[in-house]
Amino acid sequence: MTIDRNSDAWLFMKRASSASFSRPRFIDFYRNMVHEKAVADPDFPVRLRKSALEAVASDDSVWLRKALHALAIVGQASDFEIIQRLTEHRDENVARDAKTCLFEYRRRQG
């Protein structure tokens, strides 16, 4: 996959995901931002997911966490295995965010 670092989804991930799941209400704030973008552009969640899946291939913990933040909101069942692997990541912040991402995915599914 080629990463388009100028895409609106990539730039959104870069800018909007500066906090972490450990901050109270961050996931709600992030979900609302994605929702607002999706209302204006219904294809935005698809592009955000694509950018997150590209970023999750990184070795950079910061980008892994940004990808997990996005996947918590727009991830699909087919992403579950990738996220699950990250729950054992050597960086405890990545591992924790991966677990939170899975929790949020399951919560979205009902």
C-alpha atoms as a PDB file:
ATOM      1  CA  MET A   1       0.000   0.000   0.000  1.00  0.00           C
ATOM      2  CA  THR A   2       1.158   3.499  -0.773  1.00  0.00           C
ATOM      3  CA  ILE A   3       0.577   6.021   1.972  1.00  0.00           C
ATOM      4  CA  ASP A   4      -0.865   9.325   0.792  1.00  0.00           C
ATOM      5  CA  ARG A   5       0.367  11.660   3.521  1.00  0.00           C
ATOM      6  CA  ASN A   6      -1.592  14.517   1.961  1.00  0.00           C
ATOM      7  CA  SER A   7      -4.990  12.846   2.084  1.00  0.00           C
ATOM      8  CA  ASP A   8      -7.630  14.421   4.276  1.00  0.00           C
ATOM      9  CA  ALA A   9      -7.933  11.201   6.287  1.00  0.00           C
ATOM     10  CA  TRP A  10      -4.182  10.977   6.944  1.00  0.00           C
ATOM     11  CA  LEU A  11      -4.029  14.622   7.975  1.00  0.00           C
ATOM     12  CA  PHE A  12      -7.077  14.147  10.201  1.00  0.00           C
ATOM     13  CA  MET A  13      -5.400  11.210  11.906  1.00  0.00           C
ATOM     14  CA  LYS A  14      -2.216  13.214  12.328  1.00  0.00           C
ATOM     15  CA  ARG A  15      -3.933  16.219  13.868  1.00  0.00           C
ATOM     16  CA  ALA A  16      -6.982  14.822  15.657  1.00  0.00           C
ATOM     17  CA  SER A  17      -5.276  11.986  17.453  1.00  0.00           C
ATOM     18  CA  SER A  18      -2.848  13.829  19.666  1.00  0.00           C
ATOM     19  CA  ALA A  19      -4.389  12.608  22.904  1.00  0.00           C
ATOM     20  CA  SER A  20      -4.766   9.065  24.121  1.00  0.00           C
ATOM     21  CA  PHE A  21      -7.510   6.712  25.174  1.00  0.00           C
ATOM     22  CA  SER A  22      -6.351   7.187  28.747  1.00  0.00           C
ATOM     23  CA  ARG A  23      -7.647  10.767  28.749  1.00  0.00           C
ATOM     24  CA  PRO A  24     -11.253  10.980  29.942  1.00  0.00           C
ATOM     25  CA  ARG A  25     -13.814  11.416  27.174  1.00  0.00           C
ATOM     26  CA  PHE A  26     -11.188  11.313  24.383  1.00  0.00           C
ATOM     27  CA  ILE A  27     -12.965   8.502  22.536  1.00  0.00           C
ATOM     28  CA  ASP A  28     -16.262  10.422  22.616  1.00  0.00           C
ATOM     29  CA  PHE A  29     -14.539  13.555  21.345  1.00  0.00           C
ATOM     30  CA  TYR A  30     -12.801  11.617  18.567  1.00  0.00           C
ATOM     31  CA  ARG A  31     -16.025   9.786  17.624  1.00  0.00           C
ATOM     32  CA  ASN A  32     -17.840  13.134  17.339  1.00  0.00           C
ATOM     33  CA  MET A  33     -15.103  14.577  15.129  1.00  0.00           C
ATOM     34  CA  VAL A  34     -15.287  11.567  12.798  1.00  0.00           C
ATOM     35  CA  HIS A  35     -19.078  11.809  12.749  1.00  0.00           C
ATOM     36  CA  GLU A  36     -18.950  15.494  11.795  1.00  0.00           C
ATOM     37  CA  LYS A  37     -16.553  14.727   8.951  1.00  0.00           C
ATOM     38  CA  ALA A  38     -18.767  11.830   7.817  1.00  0.00           C
ATOM     39  CA  VAL A  39     -21.867  14.010   7.736  1.00  0.00           C
ATOM     40  CA  ALA A  40     -20.080  16.411   5.404  1.00  0.00           C
ATOM     41  CA  ASP A  41     -18.447  13.598   3.405  1.00  0.00           C
ATOM     42  CA  PRO A  42     -19.997  10.103   3.702  1.00  0.00           C
ATOM     43  CA  ASP A  43     -16.860   8.480   2.220  1.00  0.00           C
ATOM     44  CA  PHE A  44     -14.588   9.934   4.886  1.00  0.00           C
ATOM     45  CA  PRO A  45     -14.813   6.910   7.245  1.00  0.00           C
ATOM     46  CA  VAL A  46     -13.701   4.616   4.398  1.00  0.00           C
ATOM     47  CA  ARG A  47     -10.670   6.798   3.713  1.00  0.00           C
ATOM     48  CA  LEU A  48      -9.905   7.098   7.423  1.00  0.00           C
ATOM     49  CA  ARG A  49      -9.970   3.313   7.801  1.00  0.00           C
ATOM     50  CA  LYS A  50      -7.686   2.915   4.786  1.00  0.00           C
ATOM     51  CA  SER A  51      -5.211   5.428   6.234  1.00  0.00           C
ATOM     52  CA  ALA A  52      -5.362   3.730   9.635  1.00  0.00           C
ATOM     53  CA  LEU A  53      -4.644   0.329   8.106  1.00  0.00           C
ATOM     54  CA  GLU A  54      -1.666   1.829   6.302  1.00  0.00           C
ATOM     55  CA  ALA A  55      -0.409   3.405   9.538  1.00  0.00           C
ATOM     56  CA  VAL A  56      -0.841   0.194  11.517  1.00  0.00           C
ATOM     57  CA  ALA A  57       1.924  -1.314   9.388  1.00  0.00           C
ATOM     58  CA  SER A  58       4.331   1.200  10.933  1.00  0.00           C
ATOM     59  CA  ASP A  59       6.887   0.457  13.635  1.00  0.00           C
ATOM     60  CA  ASP A  60       6.336   3.938  15.053  1.00  0.00           C
ATOM     61  CA  SER A  61       4.359   3.722  18.311  1.00  0.00           C
ATOM     62  CA  VAL A  62       2.871   7.174  17.831  1.00  0.00           C
ATOM     63  CA  TRP A  63       1.434   6.229  14.430  1.00  0.00           C
ATOM     64  CA  LEU A  64       0.289   2.852  15.690  1.00  0.00           C
ATOM     65  CA  ARG A  65      -1.702   4.601  18.391  1.00  0.00           C
ATOM     66  CA  LYS A  66      -3.165   7.100  15.917  1.00  0.00           C
ATOM     67  CA  ALA A  67      -4.230   4.166  13.732  1.00  0.00           C
ATOM     68  CA  LEU A  68      -5.828   2.424  16.705  1.00  0.00           C
ATOM     69  CA  HIS A  69      -7.754   5.561  17.622  1.00  0.00           C
ATOM     70  CA  ALA A  70      -9.218   5.679  14.131  1.00  0.00           C
ATOM     71  CA  LEU A  71      -9.923   1.941  13.988  1.00  0.00           C
ATOM     72  CA  ALA A  72     -11.802   2.155  17.283  1.00  0.00           C
ATOM     73  CA  ILE A  73     -14.340   4.265  15.406  1.00  0.00           C
ATOM     74  CA  VAL A  74     -14.227   3.000  11.809  1.00  0.00           C
ATOM     75  CA  GLY A  75     -12.647  -0.451  12.109  1.00  0.00           C
ATOM     76  CA  GLN A  76     -14.373  -3.535  10.756  1.00  0.00           C
ATOM     77  CA  ALA A  77     -14.405  -7.213  11.671  1.00  0.00           C
ATOM     78  CA  SER A  78     -11.665  -7.889   9.124  1.00  0.00           C
ATOM     79  CA  ASP A  79      -9.349  -5.562  11.111  1.00  0.00           C
ATOM     80  CA  PHE A  80      -9.820  -7.512  14.342  1.00  0.00           C
ATOM     81  CA  GLU A  81      -6.820  -9.827  13.852  1.00  0.00           C
ATOM     82  CA  ILE A  82      -4.435  -6.939  13.167  1.00  0.00           C
ATOM     83  CA  ILE A  83      -5.639  -5.090  16.248  1.00  0.00           C
ATOM     84  CA  GLN A  84      -5.529  -8.236  18.383  1.00  0.00           C
ATOM     85  CA  ARG A  85      -1.828  -8.717  17.568  1.00  0.00           C
ATOM     86  CA  LEU A  86      -1.101  -5.219  18.831  1.00  0.00           C
ATOM     87  CA  THR A  87      -2.471  -6.079  22.286  1.00  0.00           C
ATOM     88  CA  GLU A  88       0.886  -7.809  22.846  1.00  0.00           C
ATOM     89  CA  HIS A  89       2.992  -4.908  21.534  1.00  0.00           C
ATOM     90  CA  ARG A  90       6.236  -4.142  23.394  1.00  0.00           C
ATOM     91  CA  ASP A  91       5.095  -0.548  23.954  1.00  0.00           C
ATOM     92  CA  GLU A  92       2.554  -0.759  26.763  1.00  0.00           C
ATOM     93  CA  ASN A  93       0.728   2.329  25.450  1.00  0.00           C
ATOM     94  CA  VAL A  94       0.170   0.665  22.067  1.00  0.00           C
ATOM     95  CA  ALA A  95      -0.939  -2.559  23.765  1.00  0.00           C
ATOM     96  CA  ARG A  96      -3.365  -0.666  26.009  1.00  0.00           C
ATOM     97  CA  ASP A  97      -4.791   1.324  23.087  1.00  0.00           C
ATOM     98  CA  ALA A  98      -5.210  -1.888  21.084  1.00  0.00           C
ATOM     99  CA  LYS A  99      -7.232  -3.405  23.931  1.00  0.00           C
ATOM    100  CA  THR A 100      -9.353  -0.266  24.134  1.00  0.00           C
ATOM    101  CA  CYS A 101      -9.808  -0.328  20.381  1.00  0.00           C
ATOM    102  CA  LEU A 102     -11.135  -3.892  20.557  1.00  0.00           C
ATOM    103  CA  PHE A 103     -13.442  -2.932  23.415  1.00  0.00           C
ATOM    104  CA  GLU A 104     -14.823   0.003  21.408  1.00  0.00           C
ATOM    105  CA  TYR A 105     -15.285  -2.187  18.331  1.00  0.00           C
ATOM    106  CA  ARG A 106     -17.252  -4.760  20.362  1.00  0.00           C
ATOM    107  CA  ARG A 107     -19.304  -1.988  21.927  1.00  0.00           C
ATOM    108  CA  ARG A 108     -20.220  -0.658  18.488  1.00  0.00           C
ATOM    109  CA  GLN A 109     -21.386  -4.118  17.480  1.00  0.00           C
ATOM    110  CA  GLY A 110     -23.851  -4.196  20.348  1.00  0.00           C
END
